Amino acid sequence: MRVVTSPIMRLRFLEPDWPEGEFRVLILTSETGVEAAVRLRDAGWSLPEAALCVGDHTAAVARAAGFVAESAQGDAETLIAKVLAGEETGPFLHLRGREARGDIAPRLAAKGRKAEAVVVYEQVAEPLTEAAVRLLGGGGPVIVPVFSPRSAVLLAEQGPFAARLWVVAISRAAAEAGERLGAERLIVADRPDSAAMLEAIARAISEAAS
């Protein structure tokens, strides 16, 4: 088995326009959101210590960065449901990427929870490396991990590919976006987190070997 690394996006952190008022809880939906929060805090912005995170991994990263973090143990839908089932009314502040999905802050606001969103980073498309182009132009099968719907779309835009693609998607939404890759095999992780993705990739490797 040969591993080829070719990032499909690169991160760029932004200097956002900051909303007025005091916020009680951060909403963090990615490890990158945590990194953006740390950068803002270090730059002197006043951020709440409490954070509600989309999943266990993001919550663990936030705790390591000094936030009092709680996990929604799922995706944007479970996070919204957790807020609406709780007693905390906000204001909430969602630190998000430019291409974020879920419309978390507007949906919470529509349900009576004070919430705003600030775009603090963006993901800029990157071309595939020469090694990745050669691999995807071969016979395959090639196991392709897809960690977001946007990464699936950006990869598809650089195709089509001659290789037989086995796409491993972190979520059903990523899998749906990955359908445009024309995958021979599509595997969805049991949970939308990195540990479940590793398990799914291991299953794909085992199946491909057999």
C-alpha atoms as a PDB file:
ATOM      1  CA  MET A   1       0.000   0.000   0.000  1.00  0.00           C
ATOM      2  CA  ARG A   2       1.272   3.460  -0.904  1.00  0.00           C
ATOM      3  CA  VAL A   3       0.120   6.655   0.844  1.00  0.00           C
ATOM      4  CA  VAL A   4       0.031   9.941  -1.085  1.00  0.00           C
ATOM      5  CA  THR A   5      -0.775  13.166   0.758  1.00  0.00           C
ATOM      6  CA  SER A   6      -2.288  16.014  -1.237  1.00  0.00           C
ATOM      7  CA  PRO A   7      -4.256  18.674   0.706  1.00  0.00           C
ATOM      8  CA  ILE A   8      -7.223  19.891  -1.326  1.00  0.00           C
ATOM      9  CA  MET A   9      -7.503  23.119   0.706  1.00  0.00           C
ATOM     10  CA  ARG A  10      -5.308  25.422   2.755  1.00  0.00           C
ATOM     11  CA  LEU A  11      -6.473  27.519   5.684  1.00  0.00           C
ATOM     12  CA  ARG A  12      -6.383  31.286   5.845  1.00  0.00           C
ATOM     13  CA  PHE A  13      -7.341  32.987   9.103  1.00  0.00           C
ATOM     14  CA  LEU A  14      -9.227  36.268   8.826  1.00  0.00           C
ATOM     15  CA  GLU A  15      -9.505  39.505  10.774  1.00  0.00           C
ATOM     16  CA  PRO A  16     -13.277  39.634  11.336  1.00  0.00           C
ATOM     17  CA  ASP A  17     -15.627  42.511  12.009  1.00  0.00           C
ATOM     18  CA  TRP A  18     -16.586  41.870  15.619  1.00  0.00           C
ATOM     19  CA  PRO A  19     -20.263  42.072  16.657  1.00  0.00           C
ATOM     20  CA  GLU A  20     -21.273  44.337  19.519  1.00  0.00           C
ATOM     21  CA  GLY A  21     -22.260  43.020  22.928  1.00  0.00           C
ATOM     22  CA  GLU A  22     -21.122  40.375  25.369  1.00  0.00           C
ATOM     23  CA  PHE A  23     -21.425  36.683  24.575  1.00  0.00           C
ATOM     24  CA  ARG A  24     -21.857  33.866  27.076  1.00  0.00           C
ATOM     25  CA  VAL A  25     -21.026  30.766  25.032  1.00  0.00           C
ATOM     26  CA  LEU A  26     -18.841  30.068  22.012  1.00  0.00           C
ATOM     27  CA  ILE A  27     -20.044  27.606  19.419  1.00  0.00           C
ATOM     28  CA  LEU A  28     -17.129  25.728  17.876  1.00  0.00           C
ATOM     29  CA  THR A  29     -17.779  23.324  15.020  1.00  0.00           C
ATOM     30  CA  SER A  30     -14.236  22.340  14.064  1.00  0.00           C
ATOM     31  CA  GLU A  31     -10.695  22.112  15.362  1.00  0.00           C
ATOM     32  CA  THR A  32      -9.917  25.021  13.051  1.00  0.00           C
ATOM     33  CA  GLY A  33     -12.583  27.063  14.839  1.00  0.00           C
ATOM     34  CA  VAL A  34     -10.772  26.375  18.111  1.00  0.00           C
ATOM     35  CA  GLU A  35      -7.484  27.504  16.584  1.00  0.00           C
ATOM     36  CA  ALA A  36      -9.167  30.667  15.347  1.00  0.00           C
ATOM     37  CA  ALA A  37     -10.564  31.302  18.840  1.00  0.00           C
ATOM     38  CA  VAL A  38      -7.100  30.953  20.352  1.00  0.00           C
ATOM     39  CA  ARG A  39      -5.654  33.361  17.798  1.00  0.00           C
ATOM     40  CA  LEU A  40      -8.370  35.923  18.541  1.00  0.00           C
ATOM     41  CA  ARG A  41      -7.958  35.522  22.292  1.00  0.00           C
ATOM     42  CA  ASP A  42      -4.190  35.953  22.009  1.00  0.00           C
ATOM     43  CA  ALA A  43      -4.766  39.078  19.917  1.00  0.00           C
ATOM     44  CA  GLY A  44      -6.768  40.618  22.756  1.00  0.00           C
ATOM     45  CA  TRP A  45     -10.374  39.853  21.796  1.00  0.00           C
ATOM     46  CA  SER A  46     -12.671  39.137  24.728  1.00  0.00           C
ATOM     47  CA  LEU A  47     -14.104  35.635  24.317  1.00  0.00           C
ATOM     48  CA  PRO A  48     -16.293  33.637  26.696  1.00  0.00           C
ATOM     49  CA  GLU A  49     -14.651  30.700  28.454  1.00  0.00           C
ATOM     50  CA  ALA A  50     -17.647  28.426  27.894  1.00  0.00           C
ATOM     51  CA  ALA A  51     -17.774  26.593  24.575  1.00  0.00           C
ATOM     52  CA  LEU A  52     -20.276  24.203  23.046  1.00  0.00           C
ATOM     53  CA  CYS A  53     -18.517  22.001  20.498  1.00  0.00           C
ATOM     54  CA  VAL A  54     -19.912  19.873  17.711  1.00  0.00           C
ATOM     55  CA  GLY A  55     -18.114  16.671  18.725  1.00  0.00           C
ATOM     56  CA  ASP A  56     -15.825  15.034  21.265  1.00  0.00           C
ATOM     57  CA  HIS A  57     -12.597  15.751  19.382  1.00  0.00           C
ATOM     58  CA  THR A  58     -13.344  19.455  18.973  1.00  0.00           C
ATOM     59  CA  ALA A  59     -14.309  19.637  22.658  1.00  0.00           C
ATOM     60  CA  ALA A  60     -11.044  17.950  23.689  1.00  0.00           C
ATOM     61  CA  VAL A  61      -9.024  20.411  21.609  1.00  0.00           C
ATOM     62  CA  ALA A  62     -10.963  23.321  23.097  1.00  0.00           C
ATOM     63  CA  ARG A  63     -10.339  22.088  26.654  1.00  0.00           C
ATOM     64  CA  ALA A  64      -6.627  21.774  25.909  1.00  0.00           C
ATOM     65  CA  ALA A  65      -6.735  25.404  24.757  1.00  0.00           C
ATOM     66  CA  GLY A  66      -8.245  26.521  28.075  1.00  0.00           C
ATOM     67  CA  PHE A  67     -11.950  26.677  27.279  1.00  0.00           C
ATOM     68  CA  VAL A  68     -14.654  25.070  29.428  1.00  0.00           C
ATOM     69  CA  ALA A  69     -15.969  22.913  26.616  1.00  0.00           C
ATOM     70  CA  GLU A  70     -18.960  20.615  26.274  1.00  0.00           C
ATOM     71  CA  SER A  71     -19.548  18.247  23.365  1.00  0.00           C
ATOM     72  CA  ALA A  72     -22.802  17.900  21.427  1.00  0.00           C
ATOM     73  CA  GLN A  73     -21.512  14.460  20.353  1.00  0.00           C
ATOM     74  CA  GLY A  74     -22.634  14.695  16.760  1.00  0.00           C
ATOM     75  CA  ASP A  75     -23.079  17.257  14.028  1.00  0.00           C
ATOM     76  CA  ALA A  76     -24.703  20.654  13.515  1.00  0.00           C
ATOM     77  CA  GLU A  77     -28.170  19.155  13.943  1.00  0.00           C
ATOM     78  CA  THR A  78     -27.368  17.565  17.311  1.00  0.00           C
ATOM     79  CA  LEU A  79     -25.691  20.784  18.464  1.00  0.00           C
ATOM     80  CA  ILE A  80     -28.776  22.840  17.620  1.00  0.00           C
ATOM     81  CA  ALA A  81     -31.010  20.295  19.350  1.00  0.00           C
ATOM     82  CA  LYS A  82     -28.814  20.396  22.460  1.00  0.00           C
ATOM     83  CA  VAL A  83     -29.027  24.182  22.682  1.00  0.00           C
ATOM     84  CA  LEU A  84     -32.791  24.189  22.207  1.00  0.00           C
ATOM     85  CA  ALA A  85     -33.246  21.490  24.865  1.00  0.00           C
ATOM     86  CA  GLY A  86     -31.111  23.378  27.405  1.00  0.00           C
ATOM     87  CA  GLU A  87     -31.732  26.360  29.639  1.00  0.00           C
ATOM     88  CA  GLU A  88     -28.933  28.552  28.291  1.00  0.00           C
ATOM     89  CA  THR A  89     -30.420  31.305  26.114  1.00  0.00           C
ATOM     90  CA  GLY A  90     -27.153  32.969  25.090  1.00  0.00           C
ATOM     91  CA  PRO A  91     -25.993  35.107  23.581  1.00  0.00           C
ATOM     92  CA  PHE A  92     -24.061  32.480  21.594  1.00  0.00           C
ATOM     93  CA  LEU A  93     -21.193  33.282  19.226  1.00  0.00           C
ATOM     94  CA  HIS A  94     -20.399  30.826  16.425  1.00  0.00           C
ATOM     95  CA  LEU A  95     -16.840  31.113  15.114  1.00  0.00           C
ATOM     96  CA  ARG A  96     -17.173  29.602  11.663  1.00  0.00           C
ATOM     97  CA  GLY A  97     -15.511  29.225   8.301  1.00  0.00           C
ATOM     98  CA  ARG A  98     -16.676  31.025   5.198  1.00  0.00           C
ATOM     99  CA  GLU A  99     -18.004  27.769   3.742  1.00  0.00           C
ATOM    100  CA  ALA A 100     -19.675  26.471   6.930  1.00  0.00           C
ATOM    101  CA  ARG A 101     -22.845  24.397   6.647  1.00  0.00           C
ATOM    102  CA  GLY A 102     -25.840  24.177   8.936  1.00  0.00           C
ATOM    103  CA  ASP A 103     -26.736  27.882   9.409  1.00  0.00           C
ATOM    104  CA  ILE A 104     -26.433  27.333  13.146  1.00  0.00           C
ATOM    105  CA  ALA A 105     -26.693  30.936  14.403  1.00  0.00           C
ATOM    106  CA  PRO A 106     -29.685  31.964  12.225  1.00  0.00           C
ATOM    107  CA  ARG A 107     -31.566  28.789  13.121  1.00  0.00           C
ATOM    108  CA  LEU A 108     -30.954  29.307  16.843  1.00  0.00           C
ATOM    109  CA  ALA A 109     -32.017  32.947  16.583  1.00  0.00           C
ATOM    110  CA  ALA A 110     -35.215  31.886  14.829  1.00  0.00           C
ATOM    111  CA  LYS A 111     -35.985  29.672  17.835  1.00  0.00           C
ATOM    112  CA  GLY A 112     -35.507  32.463  20.366  1.00  0.00           C
ATOM    113  CA  ARG A 113     -31.849  31.909  21.273  1.00  0.00           C
ATOM    114  CA  LYS A 114     -29.646  34.958  20.866  1.00  0.00           C
ATOM    115  CA  ALA A 115     -26.903  33.900  18.469  1.00  0.00           C
ATOM    116  CA  GLU A 116     -24.521  35.481  15.983  1.00  0.00           C
ATOM    117  CA  ALA A 117     -21.873  34.084  13.673  1.00  0.00           C
ATOM    118  CA  VAL A 118     -18.482  35.492  12.731  1.00  0.00           C
ATOM    119  CA  VAL A 119     -16.449  34.229   9.769  1.00  0.00           C
ATOM    120  CA  VAL A 120     -12.945  33.747  11.166  1.00  0.00           C
ATOM    121  CA  TYR A 121     -11.289  31.570   8.520  1.00  0.00           C
ATOM    122  CA  GLU A 122     -11.631  30.396   4.966  1.00  0.00           C
ATOM    123  CA  GLN A 123     -10.431  27.345   3.079  1.00  0.00           C
ATOM    124  CA  VAL A 124      -8.685  28.163  -0.185  1.00  0.00           C
ATOM    125  CA  ALA A 125      -8.690  25.512  -2.917  1.00  0.00           C
ATOM    126  CA  GLU A 126      -5.348  23.867  -3.683  1.00  0.00           C
ATOM    127  CA  PRO A 127      -4.385  21.912  -6.820  1.00  0.00           C
ATOM    128  CA  LEU A 128      -3.514  18.239  -6.473  1.00  0.00           C
ATOM    129  CA  THR A 129       0.166  17.394  -6.257  1.00  0.00           C
ATOM    130  CA  GLU A 130       1.859  15.690  -9.204  1.00  0.00           C
ATOM    131  CA  ALA A 131       2.041  12.455  -7.211  1.00  0.00           C
ATOM    132  CA  ALA A 132      -1.706  12.565  -6.524  1.00  0.00           C
ATOM    133  CA  VAL A 133      -2.490  13.283 -10.184  1.00  0.00           C
ATOM    134  CA  ARG A 134      -0.434  10.256 -11.244  1.00  0.00           C
ATOM    135  CA  LEU A 135      -2.117   8.036  -8.644  1.00  0.00           C
ATOM    136  CA  LEU A 136      -5.634   9.138  -9.563  1.00  0.00           C
ATOM    137  CA  GLY A 137      -4.816   8.654 -13.220  1.00  0.00           C
ATOM    138  CA  GLY A 138      -3.895   4.990 -12.705  1.00  0.00           C
ATOM    139  CA  GLY A 139      -5.963   1.847 -12.367  1.00  0.00           C
ATOM    140  CA  GLY A 140      -6.560   1.829  -8.633  1.00  0.00           C
ATOM    141  CA  PRO A 141      -8.376   1.121  -6.505  1.00  0.00           C
ATOM    142  CA  VAL A 142      -7.493   4.338  -4.665  1.00  0.00           C
ATOM    143  CA  ILE A 143      -8.947   4.987  -1.195  1.00  0.00           C
ATOM    144  CA  VAL A 144      -9.893   8.670  -0.901  1.00  0.00           C
ATOM    145  CA  PRO A 145     -10.841  10.066   2.554  1.00  0.00           C
ATOM    146  CA  VAL A 146     -13.357  12.925   2.343  1.00  0.00           C
ATOM    147  CA  PHE A 147     -13.632  15.017   5.506  1.00  0.00           C
ATOM    148  CA  SER A 148     -16.242  17.535   4.353  1.00  0.00           C
ATOM    149  CA  PRO A 149     -18.750  18.120   1.559  1.00  0.00           C
ATOM    150  CA  ARG A 150     -16.648  20.980   0.218  1.00  0.00           C
ATOM    151  CA  SER A 151     -13.495  18.867  -0.015  1.00  0.00           C
ATOM    152  CA  ALA A 152     -15.459  16.318  -2.057  1.00  0.00           C
ATOM    153  CA  VAL A 153     -16.693  19.044  -4.407  1.00  0.00           C
ATOM    154  CA  LEU A 154     -13.229  20.579  -4.828  1.00  0.00           C
ATOM    155  CA  LEU A 155     -11.723  17.183  -5.573  1.00  0.00           C
ATOM    156  CA  ALA A 156     -14.429  16.392  -8.132  1.00  0.00           C
ATOM    157  CA  GLU A 157     -13.738  19.691  -9.878  1.00  0.00           C
ATOM    158  CA  GLN A 158     -10.192  18.462 -10.600  1.00  0.00           C
ATOM    159  CA  GLY A 159     -11.469  15.221 -12.147  1.00  0.00           C
ATOM    160  CA  PRO A 160     -12.660  13.040 -13.688  1.00  0.00           C
ATOM    161  CA  PHE A 161     -10.157  10.403 -12.617  1.00  0.00           C
ATOM    162  CA  ALA A 162      -9.286   7.126 -14.303  1.00  0.00           C
ATOM    163  CA  ALA A 163      -8.638   5.313 -11.021  1.00  0.00           C
ATOM    164  CA  ARG A 164     -11.284   3.193  -9.336  1.00  0.00           C
ATOM    165  CA  LEU A 165     -12.133   5.393  -6.359  1.00  0.00           C
ATOM    166  CA  TRP A 166     -13.111   4.053  -2.960  1.00  0.00           C
ATOM    167  CA  VAL A 167     -14.415   7.125  -1.152  1.00  0.00           C
ATOM    168  CA  VAL A 168     -14.519   7.127   2.666  1.00  0.00           C
ATOM    169  CA  ALA A 169     -16.762   9.982   3.847  1.00  0.00           C
ATOM    170  CA  ILE A 170     -16.958  11.456   7.338  1.00  0.00           C
ATOM    171  CA  SER A 171     -20.710  12.080   7.107  1.00  0.00           C
ATOM    172  CA  ARG A 172     -23.749  11.435   4.959  1.00  0.00           C
ATOM    173  CA  ALA A 173     -23.529  15.029   3.672  1.00  0.00           C
ATOM    174  CA  ALA A 174     -19.920  14.466   2.608  1.00  0.00           C
ATOM    175  CA  ALA A 175     -20.941  11.181   0.985  1.00  0.00           C
ATOM    176  CA  GLU A 176     -23.694  12.901  -1.006  1.00  0.00           C
ATOM    177  CA  ALA A 177     -21.225  15.512  -2.237  1.00  0.00           C
ATOM    178  CA  GLY A 178     -18.772  12.698  -3.002  1.00  0.00           C
ATOM    179  CA  GLU A 179     -21.210  10.989  -5.348  1.00  0.00           C
ATOM    180  CA  ARG A 180     -20.070  13.320  -8.106  1.00  0.00           C
ATOM    181  CA  LEU A 181     -16.659  11.620  -7.915  1.00  0.00           C
ATOM    182  CA  GLY A 182     -18.195   8.516  -9.478  1.00  0.00           C
ATOM    183  CA  ALA A 183     -16.870   6.265  -6.739  1.00  0.00           C
ATOM    184  CA  GLU A 184     -16.845   2.507  -7.242  1.00  0.00           C
ATOM    185  CA  ARG A 185     -17.265   2.079  -3.479  1.00  0.00           C
ATOM    186  CA  LEU A 186     -18.627   4.575  -0.941  1.00  0.00           C
ATOM    187  CA  ILE A 187     -18.168   4.048   2.796  1.00  0.00           C
ATOM    188  CA  VAL A 188     -19.588   6.407   5.441  1.00  0.00           C
ATOM    189  CA  ALA A 189     -17.974   6.622   8.882  1.00  0.00           C
ATOM    190  CA  ASP A 190     -20.144   5.489  11.806  1.00  0.00           C
ATOM    191  CA  ARG A 191     -19.670   8.880  13.489  1.00  0.00           C
ATOM    192  CA  PRO A 192     -18.549  12.277  12.164  1.00  0.00           C
ATOM    193  CA  ASP A 193     -15.163  12.265  13.893  1.00  0.00           C
ATOM    194  CA  SER A 194     -11.538  11.410  13.162  1.00  0.00           C
ATOM    195  CA  ALA A 195     -11.540   8.149  15.146  1.00  0.00           C
ATOM    196  CA  ALA A 196     -14.499   6.805  13.166  1.00  0.00           C
ATOM    197  CA  MET A 197     -12.832   7.909   9.930  1.00  0.00           C
ATOM    198  CA  LEU A 198      -9.723   5.894  10.816  1.00  0.00           C
ATOM    199  CA  GLU A 199     -11.921   2.862  11.480  1.00  0.00           C
ATOM    200  CA  ALA A 200     -13.719   3.327   8.145  1.00  0.00           C
ATOM    201  CA  ILE A 201     -10.447   3.730   6.265  1.00  0.00           C
ATOM    202  CA  ALA A 202      -9.135   0.557   7.889  1.00  0.00           C
ATOM    203  CA  ARG A 203     -12.274  -1.282   6.703  1.00  0.00           C
ATOM    204  CA  ALA A 204     -11.739   0.038   3.187  1.00  0.00           C
ATOM    205  CA  ILE A 205      -8.101  -1.101   3.184  1.00  0.00           C
ATOM    206  CA  SER A 206      -9.135  -4.562   4.372  1.00  0.00           C
ATOM    207  CA  GLU A 207     -11.854  -4.849   1.717  1.00  0.00           C
ATOM    208  CA  ALA A 208      -9.573  -3.620  -1.048  1.00  0.00           C
ATOM    209  CA  ALA A 209      -6.870  -6.111  -0.046  1.00  0.00           C
ATOM    210  CA  SER A 210      -9.323  -8.995  -0.190  1.00  0.00           C
END
